[in-house]
Amino acid sequence: MRSKGNNGPFNIFTENEICVEFYDLDPMCIVWHGNYLNYFEIGRRSLLEKVKYSYDDMEKSEFTFPVVDISVKYLAPLGFRDRARVKTILMEYENCLQLKYEVYNIKTGALTTKGLSTQMAFNVRTGESSFVCPRVFIDKVEAFIREMGQ
């Protein structure tokens, strides 16, 4: 499915379909609020793989990207067996990894949840945080942007 609407400043986004499972629910039979972070993670992994910087590539580059800030806005619930589309949009990649998330109920088309995460580069070898993303990551994103322009 090709997205319509705002795809961020770089037009780099992914869309992943999920099915709400029983174990995702809280006692009110809707998705427990913390599980939306798991849905965001599905999108984050997919987007990083799209720009060819998978978690394996990240490990080889000796950098990790711990989450330093995350926000979630809940607009409508999802329930058991609902199918949802998780859209993940790259918002920033030079100074930090910032991703915007939108979760849609596929049946109704309604935006149910939105979020924003910020991750900072951390050099595993030196044990230091970095206030810019590693060159290897920036190069992968910029190569992807060039490929899209062709």
Protein backbone atom coordinates (compact mmCIF):
# COMPACT_ATOMS: atom_id res chain seq x y z
CA MET A 1 0.00 0.00 0.00
CA ARG A 2 1.43 3.37 -0.99
CA SER A 3 0.89 6.10 1.54
CA LYS A 4 -0.94 9.32 0.85
CA GLY A 5 -0.39 12.48 2.81
CA ASN A 6 2.62 13.79 4.67
CA ASN A 7 5.59 11.47 4.33
CA GLY A 8 8.06 13.68 6.16
CA PRO A 9 10.86 15.91 4.93
CA PHE A 10 12.74 13.10 3.15
CA ASN A 11 9.80 11.02 1.85
CA ILE A 12 11.26 7.98 3.62
CA PHE A 13 8.61 5.89 5.31
CA THR A 14 7.43 2.34 5.76
CA GLU A 15 4.05 0.80 6.31
CA ASN A 16 3.60 -2.48 8.17
CA GLU A 17 0.39 -4.36 8.77
CA ILE A 18 -0.19 -5.96 12.15
CA CYS A 19 -2.99 -8.00 13.62
CA VAL A 20 -3.92 -7.34 17.24
CA GLU A 21 -3.40 -10.53 19.22
CA PHE A 22 -5.09 -11.54 22.47
CA TYR A 23 -1.85 -11.08 24.44
CA ASP A 24 -1.78 -7.39 23.37
CA LEU A 25 -4.99 -6.63 25.27
CA ASP A 26 -5.60 -5.14 28.69
CA PRO A 27 -8.49 -6.07 31.03
CA MET A 28 -10.80 -3.76 29.02
CA CYS A 29 -10.14 -5.89 25.89
CA ILE A 30 -8.34 -3.11 24.03
CA VAL A 31 -4.65 -2.87 23.22
CA TRP A 32 -2.72 -2.10 26.40
CA HIS A 33 -1.14 1.35 25.98
CA GLY A 34 2.45 0.08 26.36
CA ASN A 35 2.08 -2.35 23.46
CA TYR A 36 1.94 0.51 20.97
CA LEU A 37 5.68 0.88 21.57
CA ASN A 38 6.07 -2.68 20.26
CA TYR A 39 4.14 -1.66 17.14
CA PHE A 40 6.44 1.36 16.77
CA GLU A 41 9.43 -0.97 17.01
CA ILE A 42 8.10 -3.03 14.09
CA GLY A 43 8.04 0.15 12.04
CA ARG A 44 11.45 1.35 13.22
CA ARG A 45 13.11 -1.95 12.30
CA SER A 46 11.40 -1.91 8.90
CA LEU A 47 12.49 1.66 8.16
CA LEU A 48 16.10 1.00 9.15
CA GLU A 49 16.15 -2.07 6.91
CA LYS A 50 14.69 -0.01 4.06
CA VAL A 51 17.67 2.38 4.19
CA LYS A 52 20.00 -0.63 4.49
CA TYR A 53 21.04 0.01 8.11
CA SER A 54 19.61 -3.05 9.84
CA TYR A 55 20.29 -3.89 13.46
CA ASP A 56 23.08 -6.19 12.23
CA ASP A 57 24.61 -3.28 10.27
CA MET A 58 24.26 -1.09 13.34
CA GLU A 59 26.14 -3.61 15.45
CA LYS A 60 28.92 -3.87 12.84
CA SER A 61 29.27 -0.08 12.85
CA GLU A 62 29.75 -0.19 16.66
CA PHE A 63 26.85 2.18 17.28
CA THR A 64 23.53 1.72 18.98
CA PHE A 65 20.62 4.14 19.08
CA PRO A 66 18.95 4.13 22.50
CA VAL A 67 15.63 5.92 22.78
CA VAL A 68 16.06 9.22 24.65
CA ASP A 69 12.52 10.54 24.18
CA ILE A 70 9.21 9.06 23.12
CA SER A 71 5.68 10.38 23.07
CA VAL A 72 2.41 8.68 22.26
CA LYS A 73 -1.04 10.16 21.64
CA TYR A 74 -3.93 7.70 21.84
CA LEU A 75 -6.89 8.70 19.68
CA ALA A 76 -9.01 5.55 19.39
CA PRO A 77 -8.66 1.99 20.68
CA LEU A 78 -7.77 -1.15 18.77
CA GLY A 79 -9.25 -4.47 19.82
CA PHE A 80 -8.71 -8.19 19.39
CA ARG A 81 -8.17 -9.23 15.77
CA ASP A 82 -8.24 -5.64 14.50
CA ARG A 83 -5.84 -5.17 11.64
CA ALA A 84 -3.73 -2.04 11.81
CA ARG A 85 -1.26 -0.29 9.56
CA VAL A 86 1.80 1.17 11.28
CA LYS A 87 3.29 4.00 9.25
CA THR A 88 6.80 5.07 10.28
CA ILE A 89 8.26 8.29 8.87
CA LEU A 90 11.88 9.47 9.04
CA MET A 91 11.92 13.03 10.40
CA GLU A 92 15.64 13.54 11.23
CA TYR A 93 18.81 11.55 10.60
CA GLU A 94 21.85 13.84 10.93
CA ASN A 95 21.84 14.90 14.59
CA CYS A 96 19.64 12.09 15.90
CA LEU A 97 17.28 9.42 14.64
CA GLN A 98 13.79 10.84 14.90
CA LEU A 99 10.78 8.87 13.72
CA LYS A 100 7.12 9.74 13.55
CA TYR A 101 4.53 6.96 13.90
CA GLU A 102 0.92 6.73 12.79
CA VAL A 103 -1.24 3.69 13.53
CA TYR A 104 -4.41 3.27 11.45
CA ASN A 105 -7.30 0.87 11.84
CA ILE A 106 -7.36 -0.80 8.42
CA LYS A 107 -11.10 -1.53 8.48
CA THR A 108 -12.20 2.01 9.35
CA GLY A 109 -9.20 3.98 8.07
CA ALA A 110 -9.16 5.90 11.35
CA LEU A 111 -5.91 7.18 12.82
CA THR A 112 -5.85 5.47 16.22
CA THR A 113 -2.45 6.39 17.62
CA LYS A 114 0.43 8.68 16.78
CA GLY A 115 3.86 9.01 18.26
CA LEU A 116 7.36 10.42 17.96
CA SER A 117 10.63 8.87 19.08
CA THR A 118 14.09 10.37 19.31
CA GLN A 119 17.16 8.19 19.49
CA MET A 120 20.74 9.28 20.09
CA ALA A 121 23.79 7.60 18.65
CA PHE A 122 25.95 5.80 21.20
CA ASN A 123 29.45 4.60 20.34
CA VAL A 124 29.77 1.11 21.82
CA ARG A 125 33.55 1.05 21.48
CA THR A 126 34.21 4.32 23.35
CA GLY A 127 31.14 4.25 25.60
CA GLU A 128 30.25 7.81 24.61
CA SER A 129 27.07 9.40 23.35
CA SER A 130 27.27 11.29 20.09
CA PHE A 131 25.37 14.45 19.26
CA VAL A 132 25.53 13.62 15.57
CA CYS A 133 24.68 10.35 13.86
CA PRO A 134 27.58 8.20 12.65
CA ARG A 135 28.77 8.87 9.11
CA VAL A 136 27.91 5.30 8.06
CA PHE A 137 24.24 5.87 8.93
CA ILE A 138 24.10 9.31 7.31
CA ASP A 139 25.71 7.89 4.14
CA LYS A 140 23.13 5.06 3.99
CA VAL A 141 20.21 7.47 4.29
CA GLU A 142 21.64 9.89 1.75
CA ALA A 143 22.36 7.04 -0.70
CA PHE A 144 18.73 5.95 -0.32
CA ILE A 145 17.53 9.51 -0.96
CA ARG A 146 19.66 9.66 -4.14
CA GLU A 147 18.29 6.31 -5.31
CA MET A 148 14.72 7.54 -4.83
CA GLY A 149 15.49 10.61 -6.93
CA GLN A 150 16.42 8.54 -9.97
